Amino acid sequence: ANGLDNDWQTLQANIEGQDPDFSNTTNDWGKVNINLLHQVENQTPFVFENKLGIEFSHTLPEYGSQQYYELISKYYQFQAGWQDFYNVSINMSSPNYDPNHTFFYGWQGRDEPNTLFYQGRDRAQTFNDNYRAAGNILKLLLVNHVVSAFDALFTVQLKNSRIESNTNLMKMEQFSLTWHF
């Protein structure tokens, strides 16, 4: 593809005849050899409108990791893994299939990622916002516990400072109690 010599043919042969399971992507993880995928990624330059650029900025992390989900919704180079790209570019039985669609992101400002890529980006942003909010709530809970502990200490000390008890060990029957106001 695009005159590249990056062993993409081996990767293509590895997945030939297999359709992705977009309802449960974990089923696909065993179908694609991640080491072979990394090898192709590391040897694939980013294609600009009229020239080849530098290699991809990232390789796909281990399947299912937090970084995996973050990167596929953050970097355009991973848009080919989204279902709507597949239906336009690869799946010939899809009503949205376009035989003239190119397999590269031209990066000239006219191409746009497909809708699901943007939805993934938005979901990742929502997740990150919620994650930060949860972290802030945990910090507030910790501060609340520390403040409550000091409050309990001072309250007990204040209460105990008002009551003073004395006993006389020489006389068994003597006990005095003083309450300070």
N, C-alpha and C. Protein backbone atom coordinates (compact mmCIF):
# COMPACT_ATOMS: atom_id res chain seq x y z
N ALA A 1 0.84 -1.18 0.00
CA ALA A 1 0.00 0.00 0.00
C ALA A 1 0.88 1.23 0.00
N ASN A 2 0.61 2.16 -0.87
CA ASN A 2 1.35 3.41 -0.99
C ASN A 2 2.84 3.19 -1.24
N GLY A 3 3.21 2.05 -1.82
CA GLY A 3 4.61 1.77 -2.12
C GLY A 3 5.47 1.54 -0.89
N LEU A 4 4.87 1.16 0.21
CA LEU A 4 5.62 0.97 1.45
C LEU A 4 6.20 -0.43 1.52
N ASP A 5 7.39 -0.51 2.05
CA ASP A 5 8.04 -1.80 2.29
C ASP A 5 8.20 -1.94 3.80
N ASN A 6 7.13 -2.32 4.46
CA ASN A 6 7.15 -2.37 5.93
C ASN A 6 6.58 -3.68 6.47
N ASP A 7 6.53 -4.69 5.64
CA ASP A 7 6.04 -6.01 6.04
C ASP A 7 4.53 -6.03 6.30
N TRP A 8 3.82 -5.06 5.71
CA TRP A 8 2.37 -5.03 5.89
C TRP A 8 1.71 -6.25 5.27
N GLN A 9 2.36 -6.84 4.26
CA GLN A 9 1.78 -8.01 3.62
C GLN A 9 1.68 -9.18 4.60
N THR A 10 2.68 -9.32 5.47
CA THR A 10 2.65 -10.39 6.48
C THR A 10 1.50 -10.16 7.45
N LEU A 11 1.32 -8.91 7.85
CA LEU A 11 0.21 -8.58 8.75
C LEU A 11 -1.12 -8.83 8.05
N GLN A 12 -1.22 -8.44 6.80
CA GLN A 12 -2.46 -8.66 6.06
C GLN A 12 -2.76 -10.15 5.94
N ALA A 13 -1.75 -10.96 5.66
CA ALA A 13 -1.94 -12.41 5.56
C ALA A 13 -2.36 -12.99 6.91
N ASN A 14 -1.88 -12.39 8.00
CA ASN A 14 -2.21 -12.85 9.35
C ASN A 14 -3.69 -12.68 9.67
N ILE A 15 -4.31 -11.67 9.08
CA ILE A 15 -5.73 -11.39 9.39
C ILE A 15 -6.65 -11.65 8.20
N GLU A 16 -6.11 -12.15 7.11
CA GLU A 16 -6.88 -12.40 5.89
C GLU A 16 -8.10 -13.27 6.18
N GLY A 17 -9.25 -12.84 5.70
CA GLY A 17 -10.48 -13.62 5.83
C GLY A 17 -11.15 -13.52 7.19
N GLN A 18 -10.61 -12.74 8.09
CA GLN A 18 -11.22 -12.59 9.41
C GLN A 18 -11.95 -11.26 9.49
N ASP A 19 -13.14 -11.30 10.01
CA ASP A 19 -13.90 -10.08 10.22
C ASP A 19 -13.82 -9.69 11.68
N PRO A 20 -13.72 -8.40 11.95
CA PRO A 20 -13.65 -7.97 13.35
C PRO A 20 -14.99 -8.17 14.06
N ASP A 21 -14.91 -8.41 15.35
CA ASP A 21 -16.10 -8.55 16.19
C ASP A 21 -16.26 -7.25 16.97
N PHE A 22 -16.97 -6.30 16.39
CA PHE A 22 -17.10 -5.00 17.03
C PHE A 22 -18.01 -5.04 18.26
N SER A 23 -18.75 -6.13 18.44
CA SER A 23 -19.60 -6.23 19.64
C SER A 23 -18.78 -6.63 20.86
N ASN A 24 -17.63 -7.29 20.63
CA ASN A 24 -16.76 -7.69 21.73
C ASN A 24 -15.32 -7.76 21.21
N THR A 25 -14.62 -6.64 21.31
CA THR A 25 -13.29 -6.56 20.71
C THR A 25 -12.29 -7.50 21.35
N THR A 26 -12.55 -7.97 22.56
CA THR A 26 -11.61 -8.91 23.17
C THR A 26 -11.50 -10.19 22.35
N ASN A 27 -12.54 -10.52 21.58
CA ASN A 27 -12.47 -11.70 20.71
C ASN A 27 -11.43 -11.52 19.61
N ASP A 28 -11.15 -10.29 19.24
CA ASP A 28 -10.20 -10.02 18.16
C ASP A 28 -8.75 -10.00 18.62
N TRP A 29 -8.52 -9.83 19.89
CA TRP A 29 -7.16 -9.67 20.38
C TRP A 29 -6.30 -10.90 20.10
N GLY A 30 -6.89 -12.06 20.11
CA GLY A 30 -6.13 -13.27 19.81
C GLY A 30 -5.89 -13.47 18.32
N LYS A 31 -6.61 -12.74 17.48
CA LYS A 31 -6.48 -12.90 16.03
C LYS A 31 -5.29 -12.14 15.45
N VAL A 32 -4.92 -11.04 16.10
CA VAL A 32 -3.85 -10.19 15.57
C VAL A 32 -2.64 -10.31 16.47
N ASN A 33 -1.54 -10.73 15.90
CA ASN A 33 -0.29 -10.86 16.63
C ASN A 33 0.23 -9.45 16.94
N ILE A 34 0.22 -9.08 18.21
CA ILE A 34 0.59 -7.70 18.59
C ILE A 34 2.05 -7.40 18.26
N ASN A 35 2.92 -8.40 18.34
CA ASN A 35 4.33 -8.16 18.00
C ASN A 35 4.50 -7.86 16.51
N LEU A 36 3.76 -8.59 15.67
CA LEU A 36 3.80 -8.32 14.24
C LEU A 36 3.22 -6.93 13.95
N LEU A 37 2.14 -6.60 14.63
CA LEU A 37 1.54 -5.27 14.47
C LEU A 37 2.53 -4.18 14.86
N HIS A 38 3.24 -4.36 15.98
CA HIS A 38 4.24 -3.37 16.39
C HIS A 38 5.36 -3.26 15.36
N GLN A 39 5.77 -4.39 14.79
CA GLN A 39 6.83 -4.38 13.78
C GLN A 39 6.40 -3.54 12.58
N VAL A 40 5.17 -3.74 12.12
CA VAL A 40 4.67 -2.97 10.98
C VAL A 40 4.53 -1.50 11.35
N GLU A 41 4.01 -1.22 12.54
CA GLU A 41 3.86 0.17 12.98
C GLU A 41 5.22 0.88 13.01
N ASN A 42 6.23 0.20 13.54
CA ASN A 42 7.55 0.81 13.66
C ASN A 42 8.21 1.06 12.31
N GLN A 43 7.76 0.36 11.28
CA GLN A 43 8.36 0.52 9.95
C GLN A 43 7.47 1.33 9.01
N THR A 44 6.38 1.89 9.53
CA THR A 44 5.44 2.60 8.67
C THR A 44 5.56 4.10 8.87
N PRO A 45 5.93 4.82 7.81
CA PRO A 45 5.97 6.28 7.93
C PRO A 45 4.56 6.86 7.84
N PHE A 46 4.40 8.00 8.43
CA PHE A 46 3.14 8.72 8.34
C PHE A 46 3.08 9.36 6.95
N VAL A 47 1.98 9.20 6.24
CA VAL A 47 1.87 9.69 4.87
C VAL A 47 1.23 11.07 4.87
N PHE A 48 1.98 12.04 4.33
CA PHE A 48 1.44 13.38 4.13
C PHE A 48 0.89 13.46 2.72
N GLU A 49 0.36 14.59 2.33
CA GLU A 49 -0.31 14.70 1.04
C GLU A 49 0.58 14.30 -0.13
N ASN A 50 1.78 14.82 -0.20
CA ASN A 50 2.64 14.54 -1.35
C ASN A 50 3.96 13.88 -0.98
N LYS A 51 4.10 13.46 0.25
CA LYS A 51 5.38 12.88 0.65
C LYS A 51 5.19 11.98 1.87
N LEU A 52 6.21 11.21 2.14
CA LEU A 52 6.21 10.37 3.33
C LEU A 52 6.81 11.16 4.48
N GLY A 53 6.27 10.96 5.65
CA GLY A 53 6.77 11.66 6.82
C GLY A 53 7.55 10.73 7.73
N ILE A 54 7.59 11.09 8.98
CA ILE A 54 8.28 10.28 9.98
C ILE A 54 7.41 9.08 10.37
N GLU A 55 7.96 8.18 11.16
CA GLU A 55 7.21 7.01 11.60
C GLU A 55 6.04 7.44 12.49
N PHE A 56 5.15 6.49 12.72
CA PHE A 56 4.03 6.76 13.61
C PHE A 56 4.54 7.26 14.95
N SER A 57 3.76 8.09 15.59
CA SER A 57 4.17 8.66 16.87
C SER A 57 4.06 7.65 18.01
N HIS A 58 3.18 6.67 17.88
CA HIS A 58 2.97 5.70 18.95
C HIS A 58 2.72 4.32 18.35
N THR A 59 3.02 3.30 19.12
CA THR A 59 2.61 1.95 18.75
C THR A 59 1.47 1.55 19.67
N LEU A 60 0.66 0.65 19.20
CA LEU A 60 -0.50 0.22 19.96
C LEU A 60 -0.05 -0.49 21.24
N PRO A 61 -0.50 -0.02 22.40
CA PRO A 61 -0.12 -0.69 23.66
C PRO A 61 -0.76 -2.07 23.76
N GLU A 62 -0.41 -2.79 24.81
CA GLU A 62 -0.98 -4.12 25.03
C GLU A 62 -2.50 -4.03 25.04
N TYR A 63 -3.13 -5.03 24.45
CA TYR A 63 -4.58 -5.05 24.36
C TYR A 63 -5.22 -4.92 25.75
N GLY A 64 -6.23 -4.07 25.84
CA GLY A 64 -7.01 -3.95 27.05
C GLY A 64 -6.42 -3.05 28.12
N SER A 65 -5.20 -2.56 27.93
CA SER A 65 -4.60 -1.69 28.94
C SER A 65 -5.25 -0.31 28.88
N GLN A 66 -5.06 0.46 29.93
CA GLN A 66 -5.60 1.82 29.96
C GLN A 66 -5.03 2.63 28.80
N GLN A 67 -3.74 2.46 28.54
CA GLN A 67 -3.10 3.19 27.44
C GLN A 67 -3.67 2.78 26.08
N TYR A 68 -4.04 1.52 25.94
CA TYR A 68 -4.64 1.04 24.69
C TYR A 68 -5.88 1.87 24.37
N TYR A 69 -6.78 1.98 25.35
CA TYR A 69 -8.03 2.70 25.12
C TYR A 69 -7.79 4.20 24.95
N GLU A 70 -6.82 4.72 25.67
CA GLU A 70 -6.54 6.15 25.54
C GLU A 70 -5.97 6.47 24.16
N LEU A 71 -5.02 5.69 23.70
CA LEU A 71 -4.36 6.01 22.43
C LEU A 71 -5.26 5.81 21.23
N ILE A 72 -6.11 4.78 21.23
CA ILE A 72 -6.95 4.55 20.05
C ILE A 72 -7.98 5.66 19.87
N SER A 73 -8.25 6.40 20.93
CA SER A 73 -9.21 7.50 20.80
C SER A 73 -8.52 8.86 20.80
N LYS A 74 -7.20 8.85 20.73
CA LYS A 74 -6.46 10.10 20.80
C LYS A 74 -5.67 10.39 19.53
N TYR A 75 -5.14 9.37 18.90
CA TYR A 75 -4.25 9.56 17.75
C TYR A 75 -4.91 9.06 16.47
N TYR A 76 -4.85 9.89 15.43
CA TYR A 76 -5.50 9.58 14.16
C TYR A 76 -4.98 8.31 13.52
N GLN A 77 -3.74 7.96 13.79
CA GLN A 77 -3.17 6.78 13.14
C GLN A 77 -3.92 5.50 13.51
N PHE A 78 -4.71 5.54 14.59
CA PHE A 78 -5.45 4.35 15.02
C PHE A 78 -6.90 4.35 14.54
N GLN A 79 -7.29 5.34 13.74
CA GLN A 79 -8.69 5.40 13.31
C GLN A 79 -9.10 4.22 12.44
N ALA A 80 -8.14 3.57 11.81
CA ALA A 80 -8.49 2.43 10.95
C ALA A 80 -9.07 1.27 11.75
N GLY A 81 -8.92 1.28 13.05
CA GLY A 81 -9.47 0.22 13.89
C GLY A 81 -10.92 0.45 14.29
N TRP A 82 -11.47 1.59 13.95
CA TRP A 82 -12.85 1.89 14.34
C TRP A 82 -13.82 1.32 13.31
N GLN A 83 -15.00 0.93 13.76
CA GLN A 83 -15.97 0.23 12.92
C GLN A 83 -16.39 1.06 11.71
N ASP A 84 -16.60 2.36 11.87
CA ASP A 84 -17.07 3.14 10.72
C ASP A 84 -15.98 3.27 9.65
N PHE A 85 -14.72 3.31 10.04
CA PHE A 85 -13.63 3.30 9.05
C PHE A 85 -13.62 1.96 8.32
N TYR A 86 -13.80 0.89 9.07
CA TYR A 86 -13.84 -0.46 8.48
C TYR A 86 -14.97 -0.56 7.45
N ASN A 87 -16.14 -0.03 7.80
CA ASN A 87 -17.29 -0.14 6.90
C ASN A 87 -17.13 0.70 5.64
N VAL A 88 -16.37 1.78 5.71
CA VAL A 88 -16.15 2.62 4.54
C VAL A 88 -14.99 2.09 3.71
N SER A 89 -13.96 1.58 4.36
CA SER A 89 -12.70 1.28 3.68
C SER A 89 -12.47 -0.18 3.34
N ILE A 90 -12.99 -1.09 4.14
CA ILE A 90 -12.57 -2.48 4.03
C ILE A 90 -13.72 -3.44 3.75
N ASN A 91 -14.82 -3.29 4.46
CA ASN A 91 -15.94 -4.22 4.39
C ASN A 91 -16.76 -4.00 3.11
N MET A 92 -16.50 -4.82 2.11
CA MET A 92 -17.15 -4.64 0.81
C MET A 92 -18.65 -4.92 0.86
N SER A 93 -19.13 -5.64 1.88
CA SER A 93 -20.56 -5.91 1.97
C SER A 93 -21.32 -4.80 2.70
N SER A 94 -20.61 -3.81 3.20
CA SER A 94 -21.25 -2.69 3.91
C SER A 94 -21.88 -1.73 2.91
N PRO A 95 -23.08 -1.21 3.23
CA PRO A 95 -23.69 -0.22 2.32
C PRO A 95 -22.89 1.08 2.26
N ASN A 96 -22.00 1.31 3.22
CA ASN A 96 -21.18 2.52 3.24
C ASN A 96 -19.82 2.34 2.56
N TYR A 97 -19.58 1.15 2.02
CA TYR A 97 -18.27 0.86 1.42
C TYR A 97 -17.99 1.80 0.26
N ASP A 98 -16.79 2.35 0.23
CA ASP A 98 -16.36 3.24 -0.84
C ASP A 98 -15.08 2.65 -1.43
N PRO A 99 -15.16 2.07 -2.64
CA PRO A 99 -13.98 1.43 -3.23
C PRO A 99 -12.84 2.41 -3.52
N ASN A 100 -13.14 3.70 -3.56
CA ASN A 100 -12.11 4.70 -3.84
C ASN A 100 -11.48 5.27 -2.58
N HIS A 101 -11.94 4.82 -1.42
CA HIS A 101 -11.39 5.33 -0.17
C HIS A 101 -9.95 4.89 -0.01
N THR A 102 -9.10 5.81 0.40
CA THR A 102 -7.69 5.47 0.59
C THR A 102 -7.45 4.95 2.00
N PHE A 103 -6.40 4.18 2.16
CA PHE A 103 -6.07 3.57 3.44
C PHE A 103 -5.07 4.40 4.23
N PHE A 104 -4.99 5.67 3.95
CA PHE A 104 -4.09 6.50 4.72
C PHE A 104 -4.79 7.79 5.08
N TYR A 105 -4.33 8.38 6.13
CA TYR A 105 -4.86 9.67 6.55
C TYR A 105 -3.93 10.71 5.97
N GLY A 106 -4.40 11.45 5.00
CA GLY A 106 -3.56 12.35 4.25
C GLY A 106 -2.95 13.48 5.05
N TRP A 107 -3.57 13.85 6.13
CA TRP A 107 -3.04 14.85 7.04
C TRP A 107 -2.83 16.20 6.37
N GLN A 108 -3.65 16.47 5.37
CA GLN A 108 -3.52 17.74 4.68
C GLN A 108 -4.59 18.72 5.14
N GLY A 109 -5.35 18.36 6.16
CA GLY A 109 -6.36 19.26 6.69
C GLY A 109 -7.74 19.06 6.10
N ARG A 110 -7.86 18.25 5.06
CA ARG A 110 -9.17 18.02 4.46
C ARG A 110 -9.80 16.73 4.97
N ASP A 111 -8.98 15.75 5.25
CA ASP A 111 -9.51 14.48 5.76
C ASP A 111 -9.91 14.65 7.22
N GLU A 112 -10.96 14.00 7.58
CA GLU A 112 -11.41 14.03 8.97
C GLU A 112 -11.58 12.59 9.45
N PRO A 113 -11.25 12.32 10.68
CA PRO A 113 -11.54 10.99 11.22
C PRO A 113 -13.05 10.74 11.20
N ASN A 114 -13.41 9.50 11.27
CA ASN A 114 -14.82 9.14 11.23
C ASN A 114 -15.49 9.42 12.58
N THR A 115 -16.81 9.32 12.60
CA THR A 115 -17.62 9.69 13.75
C THR A 115 -17.26 8.92 15.02
N LEU A 116 -17.06 7.61 14.91
CA LEU A 116 -16.77 6.82 16.11
C LEU A 116 -15.45 7.22 16.76
N PHE A 117 -14.51 7.67 15.96
CA PHE A 117 -13.24 8.15 16.52
C PHE A 117 -13.52 9.34 17.44
N TYR A 118 -14.36 10.26 16.98
CA TYR A 118 -14.70 11.43 17.80
C TYR A 118 -15.50 11.01 19.04
N GLN A 119 -16.39 10.04 18.89
CA GLN A 119 -17.14 9.56 20.05
C GLN A 119 -16.19 8.94 21.08
N GLY A 120 -15.23 8.18 20.59
CA GLY A 120 -14.23 7.59 21.49
C GLY A 120 -13.43 8.67 22.20
N ARG A 121 -13.06 9.71 21.46
CA ARG A 121 -12.33 10.83 22.06
C ARG A 121 -13.16 11.49 23.15
N ASP A 122 -14.44 11.72 22.86
CA ASP A 122 -15.32 12.37 23.84
C ASP A 122 -15.53 11.50 25.07
N ARG A 123 -15.67 10.19 24.88
CA ARG A 123 -15.83 9.28 26.02
C ARG A 123 -14.56 9.24 26.87
N ALA A 124 -13.42 9.26 26.20
CA ALA A 124 -12.15 9.28 26.94
C ALA A 124 -12.05 10.56 27.77
N GLN A 125 -12.48 11.68 27.21
CA GLN A 125 -12.45 12.94 27.95
C GLN A 125 -13.39 12.88 29.15
N THR A 126 -14.58 12.33 28.95
CA THR A 126 -15.53 12.19 30.06
C THR A 126 -14.96 11.29 31.15
N PHE A 127 -14.35 10.18 30.73
CA PHE A 127 -13.73 9.27 31.70
C PHE A 127 -12.64 10.00 32.49
N ASN A 128 -11.77 10.72 31.79
CA ASN A 128 -10.68 11.42 32.46
C ASN A 128 -11.20 12.49 33.41
N ASP A 129 -12.26 13.20 33.01
CA ASP A 129 -12.86 14.20 33.89
C ASP A 129 -13.42 13.54 35.15
N ASN A 130 -14.13 12.43 34.97
CA ASN A 130 -14.69 11.72 36.12
C ASN A 130 -13.59 11.15 37.02
N TYR A 131 -12.52 10.67 36.40
CA TYR A 131 -11.39 10.12 37.17
C TYR A 131 -10.76 11.22 38.03
N ARG A 132 -10.57 12.40 37.44
CA ARG A 132 -10.01 13.51 38.21
C ARG A 132 -10.95 13.93 39.33
N ALA A 133 -12.25 13.98 39.05
CA ALA A 133 -13.22 14.36 40.08
C ALA A 133 -13.20 13.34 41.22
N ALA A 134 -13.13 12.06 40.89
CA ALA A 134 -13.09 11.02 41.93
C ALA A 134 -11.82 11.18 42.77
N GLY A 135 -10.71 11.49 42.13
CA GLY A 135 -9.47 11.71 42.88
C GLY A 135 -9.59 12.89 43.82
N ASN A 136 -10.24 13.94 43.36
CA ASN A 136 -10.44 15.12 44.22
C ASN A 136 -11.35 14.80 45.39
N ILE A 137 -12.38 14.00 45.15
CA ILE A 137 -13.29 13.61 46.23
C ILE A 137 -12.55 12.78 47.28
N LEU A 138 -11.70 11.86 46.82
CA LEU A 138 -10.91 11.06 47.77
C LEU A 138 -9.99 11.95 48.60
N LYS A 139 -9.39 12.94 47.99
CA LYS A 139 -8.54 13.87 48.74
C LYS A 139 -9.35 14.64 49.77
N LEU A 140 -10.54 15.07 49.38
CA LEU A 140 -11.41 15.78 50.33
C LEU A 140 -11.81 14.87 51.49
N LEU A 141 -12.10 13.61 51.20
CA LEU A 141 -12.44 12.67 52.27
C LEU A 141 -11.28 12.49 53.25
N LEU A 142 -10.09 12.41 52.72
CA LEU A 142 -8.91 12.26 53.57
C LEU A 142 -8.72 13.50 54.44
N VAL A 143 -8.85 14.68 53.85
CA VAL A 143 -8.74 15.92 54.63
C VAL A 143 -9.83 15.97 55.69
N ASN A 144 -11.04 15.56 55.33
CA ASN A 144 -12.15 15.53 56.29
C ASN A 144 -11.82 14.62 57.47
N HIS A 145 -11.25 13.46 57.20
CA HIS A 145 -10.90 12.53 58.29
C HIS A 145 -9.83 13.12 59.20
N VAL A 146 -8.85 13.76 58.62
CA VAL A 146 -7.78 14.37 59.43
C VAL A 146 -8.35 15.49 60.29
N VAL A 147 -9.17 16.35 59.70
CA VAL A 147 -9.79 17.44 60.46
C VAL A 147 -10.68 16.88 61.56
N SER A 148 -11.44 15.84 61.25
CA SER A 148 -12.32 15.22 62.26
C SER A 148 -11.51 14.62 63.40
N ALA A 149 -10.38 14.02 63.10
CA ALA A 149 -9.54 13.45 64.15
C ALA A 149 -9.02 14.54 65.09
N PHE A 150 -8.56 15.65 64.52
CA PHE A 150 -8.10 16.76 65.36
C PHE A 150 -9.26 17.36 66.15
N ASP A 151 -10.43 17.46 65.53
CA ASP A 151 -11.60 17.97 66.24
C ASP A 151 -11.94 17.07 67.42
N ALA A 152 -11.91 15.77 67.22
CA ALA A 152 -12.19 14.83 68.31
C ALA A 152 -11.15 14.97 69.42
N LEU A 153 -9.89 15.10 69.06
CA LEU A 153 -8.84 15.27 70.06
C LEU A 153 -9.05 16.53 70.88
N PHE A 154 -9.29 17.65 70.22
CA PHE A 154 -9.48 18.91 70.93
C PHE A 154 -10.75 18.90 71.77
N THR A 155 -11.81 18.28 71.27
CA THR A 155 -13.06 18.20 72.02
C THR A 155 -12.87 17.40 73.30
N VAL A 156 -12.21 16.28 73.21
CA VAL A 156 -11.96 15.45 74.39
C VAL A 156 -11.06 16.18 75.38
N GLN A 157 -10.02 16.83 74.87
CA GLN A 157 -9.13 17.57 75.76
C GLN A 157 -9.87 18.72 76.45
N LEU A 158 -10.71 19.40 75.71
CA LEU A 158 -11.48 20.50 76.29
C LEU A 158 -12.43 20.00 77.36
N LYS A 159 -13.13 18.92 77.07
CA LYS A 159 -14.06 18.36 78.05
C LYS A 159 -13.32 17.85 79.27
N ASN A 160 -12.21 17.17 79.07
CA ASN A 160 -11.45 16.62 80.19
C ASN A 160 -10.80 17.72 81.02
N SER A 161 -10.54 18.86 80.44
CA SER A 161 -9.91 19.93 81.20
C SER A 161 -10.90 20.58 82.17
N ARG A 162 -12.18 20.38 81.98
CA ARG A 162 -13.20 20.95 82.87
C ARG A 162 -13.42 20.10 84.12
N ILE A 163 -13.14 18.82 84.00
CA ILE A 163 -13.38 17.93 85.15
C ILE A 163 -12.03 17.49 85.70
N GLU A 164 -11.89 17.65 86.99
CA GLU A 164 -10.65 17.26 87.64
C GLU A 164 -11.02 16.39 88.83
N SER A 165 -10.41 15.25 88.91
CA SER A 165 -10.70 14.37 90.05
C SER A 165 -9.43 14.15 90.85
N ASN A 166 -9.60 14.07 92.17
CA ASN A 166 -8.47 13.84 93.07
C ASN A 166 -8.86 12.77 94.08
N THR A 167 -7.91 11.97 94.40
CA THR A 167 -8.13 10.98 95.47
C THR A 167 -6.97 11.07 96.44
N ASN A 168 -7.27 10.72 97.64
CA ASN A 168 -6.25 10.70 98.67
C ASN A 168 -5.97 9.25 98.97
N LEU A 169 -4.79 8.81 98.65
CA LEU A 169 -4.46 7.41 98.85
C LEU A 169 -4.29 7.06 100.32
N MET A 170 -4.11 8.05 101.15
CA MET A 170 -3.94 7.78 102.57
C MET A 170 -5.28 7.45 103.23
N LYS A 171 -6.30 8.11 102.77
CA LYS A 171 -7.62 7.84 103.32
C LYS A 171 -8.46 7.22 102.23
N MET A 172 -8.94 6.06 102.44
CA MET A 172 -9.68 5.33 101.43
C MET A 172 -11.04 5.94 101.12
N GLU A 173 -11.56 6.70 101.98
CA GLU A 173 -12.91 7.17 101.80
C GLU A 173 -12.97 8.57 101.21
N GLN A 174 -11.86 9.17 100.90
CA GLN A 174 -11.89 10.55 100.42
C GLN A 174 -11.74 10.58 98.90
N PHE A 175 -12.64 11.31 98.27
CA PHE A 175 -12.62 11.51 96.82
C PHE A 175 -13.17 12.90 96.57
N SER A 176 -12.50 13.67 95.74
CA SER A 176 -13.01 15.01 95.44
C SER A 176 -13.12 15.17 93.92
N LEU A 177 -14.12 15.89 93.52
CA LEU A 177 -14.37 16.14 92.11
C LEU A 177 -14.55 17.63 91.93
N THR A 178 -13.81 18.22 91.00
CA THR A 178 -13.90 19.65 90.74
C THR A 178 -14.27 19.84 89.27
N TRP A 179 -15.27 20.68 89.06
CA TRP A 179 -15.70 20.97 87.70
C TRP A 179 -15.42 22.44 87.41
N HIS A 180 -14.62 22.69 86.35
CA HIS A 180 -14.25 24.06 85.99
C HIS A 180 -15.20 24.59 84.93
N PHE A 181 -15.66 25.84 85.15
CA PHE A 181 -16.54 26.49 84.17
C PHE A 181 -15.79 27.49 83.36
